[in-house]
């Protein structure tokens, strides 16, 4: 804004002189006309009629100017840019989420509002975007952010909107379609979506650089609601799977395939809306960053004391722990391995290479003071879902290690933004059932042919609040 003091223009004496000369000239001309007309037979009447006409014209001009100087810009008769300016005025003049009036008509600060993410495709022609903005302004919707994705035919526009709470998604979609938008997709948004794209990309790149397990999560946050699968080049039995992708990747409408730096393919699917070349380029940049940095896992450790006084260390695990994990398998009983892997016990070692890969999730290891590995906890990305799995060596069961690992895995799931976690076990595995119940979360049970699937719905706010209050030593009572 510009202050009134700085807006004043310098006052020059030449302007006063010109105005005075114009006044004298006008008086002289008026006197000459009056003398010329006044000597005519009807001169006085003509002068009076001219004065009345002059006064009427001046009054009409004043009324017309006052009426139209405060009129809002017209969406139809005026320019399309004026309508767009009215719709996005709230973005320029106030911070997102502000309480004041915003955009055409304004959303009053006392009125309840809702955040929406909307993506629609419009013709690549002048005025197409302005027509959408005018339609949003008519619904009293404030445009907080706007991004464009040019395509070969048309342009995909992505909006973050603040709308009255009474406005339904169906009504919003109908108005957008009437304004020329096609393939419209709308979903609820939250305060995290207020971050602009460059800042979000830097944040996701930082997370990916610190931890290789963050790449699937970073892709999901970048691309929105989608399903991500890491398809290995070699199966757990050692046979080639045939999964491969060119270095530059493949983009096919709603599916993109990117070459996994650790081998295989990262497949990303989004059935509700095709990916744009811009999104494909951003996703490929994250994968290339991961490839250049190589394998990496944070090396933080927590030393805990068991109830009997023994100290254990809980830390992240990766492929460097493969030999120690196989040695732990050799010390576990057939019953314990059967409860964990639900298949032939002889194949248990084959799963370790997959489980310890940061591409498929996060693994926590429990290590004794002598350096022996006695327990593993896995948080595995399974498309849209997240699985938790535990294995505790027989001699270290019933000491609270399973509960400690499970609590930490759930905290990692909350940090990753997961809505739920599930565990697959045997129906008679009372230790795992007790550990899931100890989470004090809403649980769903599904059982079929002796296999039990327990799903825990994560109450994110409560877990974040109580995360710092978790005991420093494991609690007793859980087996796995």
Protein backbone atom coordinates (compact mmCIF):
# COMPACT_ATOMS: atom_id res chain seq x y z
CA UNK A 1 0.00 0.00 0.00
CA UNK A 2 1.07 3.59 -0.61
CA UNK A 3 0.66 6.21 2.11
CA UNK A 4 -1.24 9.44 1.45
CA UNK A 5 1.89 11.48 2.09
CA UNK A 6 3.96 9.67 -0.50
CA UNK A 7 1.04 9.76 -2.98
CA UNK A 8 0.90 13.60 -3.12
CA UNK A 9 2.00 15.19 -6.34
CA UNK A 10 4.23 18.29 -6.40
CA UNK A 11 2.30 21.57 -6.80
CA UNK A 12 3.59 23.81 -9.65
CA UNK A 13 2.82 27.56 -10.20
CA UNK A 14 2.52 26.93 -13.96
CA UNK A 15 -0.64 24.94 -13.39
CA UNK A 16 -2.25 27.83 -11.46
CA UNK A 17 -1.30 30.27 -14.21
CA UNK A 18 -2.83 28.05 -16.91
CA UNK A 19 -6.05 27.63 -14.94
CA UNK A 20 -6.31 31.42 -14.40
CA UNK A 21 -5.77 32.11 -18.13
CA UNK A 22 -8.43 29.53 -19.02
CA UNK A 23 -10.87 31.21 -16.62
CA UNK A 24 -10.37 34.67 -18.17
CA UNK A 25 -10.68 33.20 -21.66
CA UNK A 26 -13.96 31.50 -20.75
CA UNK A 27 -15.35 34.74 -19.26
CA UNK A 28 -14.39 36.69 -22.39
CA UNK A 29 -16.01 34.12 -24.70
CA UNK A 30 -19.15 34.03 -22.55
CA UNK A 31 -19.40 37.86 -22.58
CA UNK A 32 -19.02 37.98 -26.37
CA UNK A 33 -21.76 35.34 -26.84
CA UNK A 34 -24.05 37.11 -24.36
CA UNK A 35 -23.63 40.47 -26.15
CA UNK A 36 -24.25 38.85 -29.51
CA UNK A 37 -27.41 37.00 -28.43
CA UNK A 38 -28.65 39.72 -26.06
CA UNK A 39 -29.19 42.24 -28.85
CA UNK A 40 -31.49 39.81 -30.68
CA UNK A 41 -35.31 40.01 -30.16
CA UNK A 42 -35.42 36.72 -28.21
CA UNK A 43 -31.95 37.04 -26.74
CA UNK A 44 -32.84 36.97 -23.02
CA UNK A 45 -34.96 33.84 -23.46
CA UNK A 46 -32.18 32.06 -25.32
CA UNK A 47 -29.70 32.88 -22.53
CA UNK A 48 -32.02 31.52 -19.84
CA UNK A 49 -32.69 28.31 -21.84
CA UNK A 50 -28.95 27.80 -22.38
CA UNK A 51 -28.30 28.20 -18.64
CA UNK A 52 -31.00 25.67 -17.74
CA UNK A 53 -29.66 23.15 -20.29
CA UNK A 54 -26.13 23.63 -18.94
CA UNK A 55 -27.22 23.04 -15.35
CA UNK A 56 -29.24 19.92 -16.33
CA UNK A 57 -26.29 18.47 -18.25
CA UNK A 58 -23.92 19.05 -15.33
CA UNK A 59 -26.34 17.39 -12.87
CA UNK A 60 -26.81 14.34 -15.12
CA UNK A 61 -23.04 13.97 -15.57
CA UNK A 62 -22.46 14.09 -11.80
CA UNK A 63 -25.16 11.44 -11.13
CA UNK A 64 -23.80 9.13 -13.82
CA UNK A 65 -20.20 9.42 -12.60
CA UNK A 66 -21.11 8.66 -8.97
CA UNK A 67 -23.19 5.63 -9.93
CA UNK A 68 -20.55 3.89 -12.06
CA UNK A 69 -17.39 4.81 -10.14
CA UNK A 70 -18.28 2.27 -7.38
CA UNK A 71 -19.78 -0.50 -9.53
CA UNK A 72 -18.06 -3.92 -9.42
CA UNK A 73 -16.40 -5.23 -12.59
CA UNK A 74 -18.80 -7.05 -14.87
CA UNK A 75 -18.19 -10.76 -15.50
CA UNK A 76 -19.97 -10.70 -18.86
CA UNK A 77 -19.82 -7.20 -20.32
CA UNK A 78 -16.42 -6.35 -18.78
CA UNK A 79 -13.10 -8.01 -19.40
CA UNK A 80 -12.46 -11.59 -18.33
CA UNK A 81 -9.36 -10.49 -16.47
CA UNK A 82 -11.47 -8.26 -14.21
CA UNK A 83 -13.52 -11.27 -13.14
CA UNK A 84 -10.38 -13.26 -12.44
CA UNK A 85 -8.92 -10.41 -10.42
CA UNK A 86 -12.07 -10.25 -8.31
CA UNK A 87 -11.91 -13.99 -7.64
CA UNK A 88 -8.28 -14.07 -6.50
CA UNK A 89 -8.21 -10.72 -4.67
CA UNK A 90 -8.22 -12.55 -1.37
CA UNK A 91 -4.97 -14.33 -2.29
CA UNK A 92 -3.15 -11.09 -3.03
CA UNK A 93 -4.52 -8.84 -0.32
CA UNK A 94 -4.65 -11.25 2.62
CA UNK A 95 -2.77 -14.26 3.92
CA UNK A 96 -4.30 -17.68 3.27
CA UNK A 97 -6.68 -18.66 5.99
CA UNK A 98 -7.27 -15.06 7.07
CA UNK A 99 -10.45 -13.95 8.74
CA UNK A 100 -11.27 -10.97 6.58
CA UNK A 101 -13.40 -10.76 3.46
CA UNK A 102 -11.82 -12.40 0.46
CA UNK A 103 -12.49 -12.79 -3.25
CA UNK A 104 -15.66 -11.63 -4.98
CA UNK A 105 -18.24 -11.10 -2.34
CA UNK A 106 -15.86 -12.23 0.43
CA UNK A 107 -16.20 -15.01 2.95
CA UNK A 108 -16.94 -13.42 6.28
CA UNK A 109 -14.47 -14.24 9.03
CA UNK A 110 -17.26 -15.50 11.29
CA UNK A 111 -18.53 -17.95 8.67
CA UNK A 112 -17.31 -21.54 8.84
CA UNK A 113 -15.20 -22.53 5.83
CA UNK A 114 -13.71 -25.67 4.31
CA UNK A 115 -10.48 -26.26 2.40
CA UNK A 116 -10.71 -28.14 -0.91
CA UNK A 117 -8.14 -29.37 -3.39
CA UNK A 118 -9.50 -29.25 -6.93
CA UNK A 119 -8.01 -30.22 -10.25
CA UNK A 120 -9.71 -29.67 -13.58
CA UNK A 121 -8.77 -29.50 -17.26
CA UNK A 122 -9.64 -26.49 -19.43
CA UNK A 123 -9.08 -25.51 -23.03
CA UNK A 124 -5.77 -23.79 -23.74
CA UNK A 125 -7.46 -20.57 -24.87
CA UNK A 126 -7.55 -16.99 -23.54
CA UNK A 127 -10.28 -16.51 -20.96
CA UNK A 128 -10.67 -20.19 -19.98
CA UNK A 129 -9.02 -19.75 -16.59
CA UNK A 130 -10.86 -16.46 -16.04
CA UNK A 131 -14.19 -18.21 -16.61
CA UNK A 132 -13.34 -20.69 -13.83
CA UNK A 133 -12.37 -17.84 -11.49
CA UNK A 134 -15.63 -16.02 -12.17
CA UNK A 135 -17.60 -19.22 -11.45
CA UNK A 136 -15.73 -19.64 -8.14
CA UNK A 137 -16.35 -16.00 -7.29
CA UNK A 138 -20.06 -16.52 -7.80
CA UNK A 139 -19.94 -19.28 -5.16
CA UNK A 140 -17.98 -17.03 -2.76
CA UNK A 141 -14.96 -19.35 -3.01
CA UNK A 142 -11.50 -17.97 -2.25
CA UNK A 143 -8.55 -19.18 -4.36
CA UNK A 144 -5.58 -19.68 -2.04
CA UNK A 145 -3.10 -21.25 -4.48
CA UNK A 146 -3.14 -22.04 -8.18
CA UNK A 147 -0.84 -24.26 -10.24
CA UNK A 148 -0.97 -25.08 -13.95
CA UNK A 149 0.16 -28.19 -15.81
CA UNK A 150 0.33 -27.59 -19.59
CA UNK A 151 -0.62 -30.57 -21.74
CA UNK A 152 -0.58 -31.23 -25.47
CA UNK A 153 -4.31 -30.50 -25.49
CA UNK A 154 -5.61 -28.21 -22.80
CA UNK A 155 -4.21 -27.24 -19.41
CA UNK A 156 -4.68 -28.90 -16.02
CA UNK A 157 -5.32 -26.30 -13.33
CA UNK A 158 -4.82 -27.29 -9.68
CA UNK A 159 -6.48 -25.12 -7.03
CA UNK A 160 -6.44 -24.92 -3.25
CA UNK A 161 -9.79 -23.38 -2.33
CA UNK A 162 -11.41 -21.99 0.81
CA UNK A 163 -15.17 -22.30 0.45
CA UNK A 164 -18.21 -21.86 2.67
CA UNK A 165 -18.83 -25.01 4.69
CA UNK A 166 -22.33 -25.22 3.23
CA UNK A 167 -20.94 -25.63 -0.31
CA UNK A 168 -20.99 -29.29 -1.34
CA UNK A 169 -18.44 -30.90 -3.66
CA UNK A 170 -21.20 -31.90 -6.09
CA UNK A 171 -22.40 -28.31 -6.46
CA UNK A 172 -18.85 -27.05 -6.88
CA UNK A 173 -18.14 -29.66 -9.56
CA UNK A 174 -21.35 -28.78 -11.40
CA UNK A 175 -20.46 -25.07 -11.56
CA UNK A 176 -16.93 -25.84 -12.73
CA UNK A 177 -18.30 -28.05 -15.51
CA UNK A 178 -20.63 -25.24 -16.58
CA UNK A 179 -17.61 -22.90 -16.75
CA UNK A 180 -15.74 -25.24 -19.10
CA UNK A 181 -13.82 -27.53 -16.73
CA UNK A 182 -13.66 -31.26 -17.55
CA UNK A 183 -12.23 -34.30 -15.70
CA UNK A 184 -12.72 -32.43 -12.43
CA UNK A 185 -11.44 -34.03 -9.24
CA UNK A 186 -12.17 -32.61 -5.78
CA UNK A 187 -11.14 -33.75 -2.29
CA UNK A 188 -10.86 -32.25 1.18
CA UNK A 189 -7.60 -30.49 2.05
CA UNK A 190 -5.93 -29.45 5.29
CA UNK A 191 -3.47 -26.82 6.50
CA UNK A 192 -0.48 -28.83 5.18
CA UNK A 193 -1.66 -28.16 1.62
CA UNK A 194 -1.07 -24.43 2.09
CA UNK A 195 2.66 -25.02 1.49
CA UNK A 196 3.69 -23.92 -2.01
CA UNK A 197 5.09 -26.45 -4.49
CA UNK A 198 8.80 -25.35 -4.39
CA UNK A 199 8.84 -25.50 -0.58
CA UNK A 200 7.12 -28.88 -0.59
CA UNK A 201 9.60 -30.27 -3.12
CA UNK A 202 12.56 -29.10 -1.02
CA UNK A 203 11.06 -30.65 2.09
CA UNK A 204 10.43 -33.99 0.35
CA UNK A 205 13.93 -33.97 -1.15
CA UNK A 206 15.40 -33.41 2.33
CA UNK A 207 13.42 -36.32 3.78
CA UNK A 208 14.49 -38.56 0.92
CA UNK A 209 18.13 -37.57 1.33
CA UNK A 210 18.14 -38.47 5.04
CA UNK A 211 16.44 -41.87 4.76
CA UNK A 212 16.08 -44.21 1.77
CA UNK A 213 12.84 -45.58 3.25
CA UNK A 214 11.22 -42.15 2.76
CA UNK A 215 11.11 -42.33 -1.05
CA UNK A 216 7.72 -44.11 -1.36
CA UNK A 217 6.24 -41.78 1.26
CA UNK A 218 7.66 -38.70 -0.48
CA UNK A 219 6.15 -39.83 -3.79
CA UNK A 220 2.77 -40.34 -2.14
CA UNK A 221 2.81 -36.87 -0.58
CA UNK A 222 3.92 -35.33 -3.85
CA UNK A 223 1.30 -37.00 -6.05
CA UNK A 224 -1.63 -37.13 -3.65
CA UNK A 225 -3.85 -40.16 -3.24
CA UNK A 226 -2.13 -42.93 -5.18
CA UNK A 227 -0.95 -46.53 -4.86
CA UNK A 228 2.80 -47.21 -4.87
CA UNK A 229 4.30 -50.66 -5.37
CA UNK A 230 8.00 -51.53 -5.28
CA UNK A 231 8.39 -54.47 -7.66
CA UNK A 232 11.73 -56.26 -7.18
CA UNK A 233 13.75 -57.52 -10.13
CA UNK A 234 14.35 -60.83 -8.32
CA UNK A 235 11.79 -62.76 -6.26
CA UNK A 236 12.44 -64.14 -2.78
CA UNK A 237 13.17 -67.50 -4.41
CA UNK A 238 15.97 -65.95 -6.50
CA UNK A 239 14.15 -66.04 -9.83
CA UNK A 240 13.95 -62.96 -12.12
CA UNK A 241 10.52 -61.35 -12.06
CA UNK A 242 10.90 -59.59 -15.40
CA UNK A 243 10.17 -56.20 -13.83
CA UNK A 244 12.22 -53.45 -15.47
CA UNK A 245 11.86 -49.90 -16.73
CA UNK A 246 14.00 -47.61 -18.90
CA UNK A 247 16.18 -45.03 -17.22
CA UNK A 248 13.85 -42.20 -18.23
CA UNK A 249 10.80 -44.06 -16.88
CA UNK A 250 7.41 -44.66 -18.49
CA UNK A 251 4.27 -42.51 -18.25
CA UNK A 252 0.99 -44.12 -19.30
CA UNK A 253 -2.02 -41.97 -18.37
CA UNK A 254 -2.78 -43.02 -14.77
CA UNK A 255 0.34 -45.20 -14.32
CA UNK A 256 3.98 -44.20 -14.11
CA UNK A 257 6.87 -46.66 -13.87
CA UNK A 258 10.24 -45.51 -12.58
CA UNK A 259 13.46 -47.47 -12.37
CA UNK A 260 14.23 -48.39 -8.76
CA UNK A 261 17.89 -47.59 -7.93
CA UNK A 262 18.07 -50.80 -5.87
CA UNK A 263 16.73 -52.86 -8.79
CA UNK A 264 13.26 -53.46 -10.11
CA UNK A 265 10.52 -50.92 -10.68
CA UNK A 266 8.60 -48.37 -8.63
CA UNK A 267 5.03 -48.41 -9.94
CA UNK A 268 2.71 -45.50 -9.12
CA UNK A 269 -0.99 -45.74 -9.97
CA UNK A 270 -3.74 -43.13 -9.64
CA UNK A 271 -6.97 -44.33 -11.21
CA UNK A 272 -9.00 -41.17 -10.74
CA UNK A 273 -6.86 -38.72 -12.74
CA UNK A 274 -4.05 -39.07 -15.32
CA UNK A 275 -0.58 -37.93 -14.32
CA UNK A 276 0.78 -34.82 -16.00
CA UNK A 277 4.29 -34.51 -17.50
CA UNK A 278 5.12 -32.02 -14.73
CA UNK A 279 4.24 -34.54 -12.02
CA UNK A 280 6.20 -37.24 -13.83
CA UNK A 281 9.27 -34.99 -13.98
CA UNK A 282 9.04 -34.19 -10.25
CA UNK A 283 8.69 -37.86 -9.30
CA UNK A 284 11.61 -38.85 -11.51
CA UNK A 285 13.76 -36.12 -9.92
CA UNK A 286 13.14 -37.61 -6.45
CA UNK A 287 14.05 -41.09 -7.70
CA UNK A 288 17.24 -39.77 -9.33
CA UNK A 289 18.19 -38.07 -6.06
CA UNK A 290 17.72 -41.36 -4.21
CA UNK A 291 19.87 -43.16 -6.78
CA UNK A 292 22.73 -40.68 -6.49
CA UNK A 293 22.83 -40.82 -2.69
CA UNK A 294 22.85 -44.62 -2.51
CA UNK A 295 21.76 -46.78 0.48
CA UNK A 296 21.36 -44.82 3.72
CA UNK A 297 19.60 -45.37 7.03
CA UNK A 298 19.66 -43.06 10.08
CA UNK A 299 21.90 -44.51 12.78
CA UNK A 300 20.08 -43.34 15.89
CA UNK A 301 20.03 -45.75 18.84
CA UNK A 302 18.04 -45.99 22.08
CA UNK A 303 19.40 -47.97 25.04
CA UNK A 304 16.64 -49.44 27.22
CA UNK A 305 16.69 -51.46 30.43
CA UNK A 306 14.55 -54.57 30.77
CA UNK A 307 12.69 -55.28 34.04
CA UNK A 308 15.32 -57.87 35.04
CA UNK A 309 18.11 -55.33 34.53
CA UNK A 310 19.50 -56.33 31.12
CA UNK A 311 20.21 -53.52 28.67
CA UNK A 312 19.09 -53.66 25.04
CA UNK A 313 19.60 -51.29 22.11
CA UNK A 314 16.80 -50.44 19.66
CA UNK A 315 17.95 -49.09 16.30
CA UNK A 316 17.16 -49.07 12.59
CA UNK A 317 18.30 -52.09 10.60
CA UNK A 318 19.22 -52.58 6.94
CA UNK A 319 21.11 -54.99 4.66
CA UNK A 320 24.21 -54.74 6.86
CA UNK A 321 22.32 -56.75 9.46
CA UNK A 322 21.53 -59.62 7.09
CA UNK A 323 24.08 -62.05 8.59
CA UNK A 324 23.00 -61.27 12.18
CA UNK A 325 19.33 -61.72 11.24
CA UNK A 326 20.02 -65.14 9.69
CA UNK A 327 21.88 -66.15 12.83
CA UNK A 328 18.81 -65.18 14.87
CA UNK A 329 16.66 -67.34 12.59
CA UNK A 330 18.93 -70.29 13.36
CA UNK A 331 18.37 -69.76 17.10
CA UNK A 332 14.55 -69.46 16.79
CA UNK A 333 12.32 -72.50 17.12
CA UNK A 334 10.24 -73.86 14.25
CA UNK A 335 7.09 -72.78 16.09
CA UNK A 336 8.27 -69.15 16.42
CA UNK A 337 9.31 -68.94 12.75
CA UNK A 338 6.01 -70.51 11.68
CA UNK A 339 4.01 -67.88 13.58
CA UNK A 340 5.97 -65.10 11.90
CA UNK A 341 6.23 -66.20 8.25
CA UNK A 342 3.03 -68.27 7.78
CA UNK A 343 4.76 -70.58 5.31
CA UNK A 344 7.54 -73.14 4.96
CA UNK A 345 10.07 -72.46 7.71
CA UNK A 346 12.91 -73.44 5.39
CA UNK A 347 12.18 -70.35 3.26
CA UNK A 348 12.39 -67.91 6.19
CA UNK A 349 15.92 -66.72 5.32
CA UNK A 350 14.82 -65.83 1.79
CA UNK A 351 12.48 -63.12 3.08
CA UNK A 352 15.19 -61.25 4.97
CA UNK A 353 16.73 -59.56 1.93
CA UNK A 354 13.31 -58.10 1.09
CA UNK A 355 12.41 -57.20 4.68
CA UNK A 356 15.68 -55.40 5.39
CA UNK A 357 15.48 -53.28 2.25
CA UNK A 358 14.54 -49.66 3.07
CA UNK A 359 12.58 -49.55 -0.20
CA UNK A 360 9.82 -51.72 1.23
CA UNK A 361 9.56 -50.12 4.65
CA UNK A 362 11.40 -49.62 7.93
CA UNK A 363 12.93 -52.24 10.19
CA UNK A 364 13.83 -51.92 13.86
CA UNK A 365 16.35 -54.29 15.44
CA UNK A 366 16.89 -55.14 19.12
CA UNK A 367 20.49 -55.83 20.01
CA UNK A 368 21.94 -57.06 23.30
CA UNK A 369 24.98 -55.64 25.07
CA UNK A 370 27.08 -58.38 23.47
CA UNK A 371 25.99 -57.31 19.98
CA UNK A 372 23.63 -60.24 19.30
CA UNK A 373 20.41 -59.54 17.38
CA UNK A 374 17.41 -60.92 19.32
CA UNK A 375 14.35 -59.25 17.74
CA UNK A 376 13.16 -57.57 14.52
CA UNK A 377 10.16 -55.34 13.93
CA UNK A 378 9.02 -54.45 10.42
CA UNK A 379 6.83 -51.62 9.13
CA UNK A 380 6.09 -52.55 5.49
CA UNK A 381 4.56 -50.36 2.79
CA UNK A 382 1.84 -52.43 1.11
CA UNK A 383 0.35 -50.18 -1.55
CA UNK A 384 -2.23 -48.03 0.22
CA UNK A 385 -1.89 -50.00 3.46
CA UNK A 386 0.82 -50.56 6.06
CA UNK A 387 1.72 -53.86 7.71
CA UNK A 388 3.49 -54.44 11.03
CA UNK A 389 5.30 -57.68 11.83
CA UNK A 390 7.40 -58.86 14.80
CA UNK A 391 9.88 -61.64 15.46
CA UNK A 392 11.38 -62.15 18.92
CA UNK A 393 13.88 -64.91 19.67
CA UNK A 394 12.47 -67.60 21.98
CA UNK A 395 14.81 -66.90 24.91
CA UNK A 396 13.87 -63.19 24.88
CA UNK A 397 10.11 -63.50 24.71
CA UNK A 398 7.73 -62.37 27.48
CA UNK A 399 10.05 -59.50 28.49
CA UNK A 400 8.13 -56.64 26.87
CA UNK A 401 10.37 -56.43 23.79
CA UNK A 402 7.48 -57.10 21.40
CA UNK A 403 5.33 -54.36 22.92
CA UNK A 404 8.23 -51.90 22.77
CA UNK A 405 8.89 -52.63 19.10
CA UNK A 406 5.21 -52.48 18.19
CA UNK A 407 4.75 -49.12 19.92
CA UNK A 408 7.73 -47.69 18.04
CA UNK A 409 6.53 -49.05 14.70
CA UNK A 410 3.12 -47.48 15.22
CA UNK A 411 4.80 -44.15 16.05
CA UNK A 412 6.75 -44.42 12.76
CA UNK A 413 3.47 -45.11 10.92
CA UNK A 414 1.89 -42.01 12.44
CA UNK A 415 4.94 -39.96 11.43
CA UNK A 416 4.58 -41.30 7.88
CA UNK A 417 0.94 -40.19 7.76
CA UNK A 418 -0.62 -43.68 7.72
CA UNK A 419 -4.28 -44.00 8.68
CA UNK A 420 -4.02 -47.57 9.92
CA UNK A 421 -1.69 -50.55 10.36
CA UNK A 422 -2.51 -54.24 10.19
CA UNK A 423 -0.87 -57.43 11.46
CA UNK A 424 -1.29 -60.91 9.97
CA UNK A 425 -0.87 -63.75 12.44
CA UNK A 426 -2.30 -67.07 13.59
CA UNK A 427 -5.55 -67.04 15.56
CA UNK A 428 -3.80 -68.82 18.47
CA UNK A 429 -0.94 -66.30 18.66
CA UNK A 430 -2.08 -64.76 21.94
CA UNK A 431 1.13 -62.77 22.32
CA UNK A 432 0.59 -60.72 19.14
CA UNK A 433 -3.09 -60.22 19.95
CA UNK A 434 -2.18 -58.94 23.42
CA UNK A 435 0.46 -56.58 21.99
CA UNK A 436 -2.07 -55.08 19.54
CA UNK A 437 -4.63 -54.63 22.30
CA UNK A 438 -2.03 -52.91 24.47
CA UNK A 439 -1.86 -50.11 21.88
CA UNK A 440 -5.28 -48.95 23.13
CA UNK A 441 -6.38 -48.14 19.58
CA UNK A 442 -9.61 -49.06 17.77
CA UNK A 443 -9.10 -52.59 16.41
CA UNK A 444 -10.83 -54.55 13.65
CA UNK A 445 -10.54 -58.37 13.48
CA UNK A 446 -10.88 -60.59 10.42
CA UNK A 447 -10.29 -64.32 10.62
CA UNK A 448 -10.32 -66.87 7.80
CA UNK A 449 -9.05 -70.45 7.88
CA UNK A 450 -7.04 -69.85 11.02
CA UNK A 451 -5.36 -66.65 9.78
CA UNK A 452 -6.13 -63.54 11.83
CA UNK A 453 -5.79 -59.98 10.46
CA UNK A 454 -5.86 -57.27 13.12
CA UNK A 455 -6.19 -53.69 11.86
CA UNK A 456 -5.50 -50.75 14.17
CA UNK A 457 -6.95 -47.37 13.21
CA UNK A 458 -4.47 -44.68 14.17
CA UNK A 459 -5.69 -41.65 16.12
CA UNK A 460 -2.89 -39.41 14.99
CA UNK A 461 -3.36 -36.48 17.38
CA UNK A 462 -3.44 -38.64 20.49
CA UNK A 463 -0.39 -40.66 19.48
CA UNK A 464 1.65 -37.55 18.77
CA UNK A 465 0.69 -36.11 22.12
CA UNK A 466 1.49 -39.28 24.05
CA UNK A 467 4.60 -40.20 22.07
CA UNK A 468 6.91 -38.32 24.42
CA UNK A 469 5.24 -39.87 27.47
CA UNK A 470 5.99 -43.49 26.51
CA UNK A 471 8.04 -45.33 29.19
CA UNK A 472 11.79 -45.53 28.68
CA UNK A 473 11.82 -49.26 29.48
CA UNK A 474 9.67 -52.00 27.94
CA UNK A 475 6.58 -53.12 29.81
CA UNK A 476 5.94 -56.74 30.63
CA UNK A 477 3.18 -58.97 29.34
CA UNK A 478 3.66 -59.09 25.54
CA UNK A 479 5.33 -61.94 23.77
CA UNK A 480 5.72 -60.59 20.21
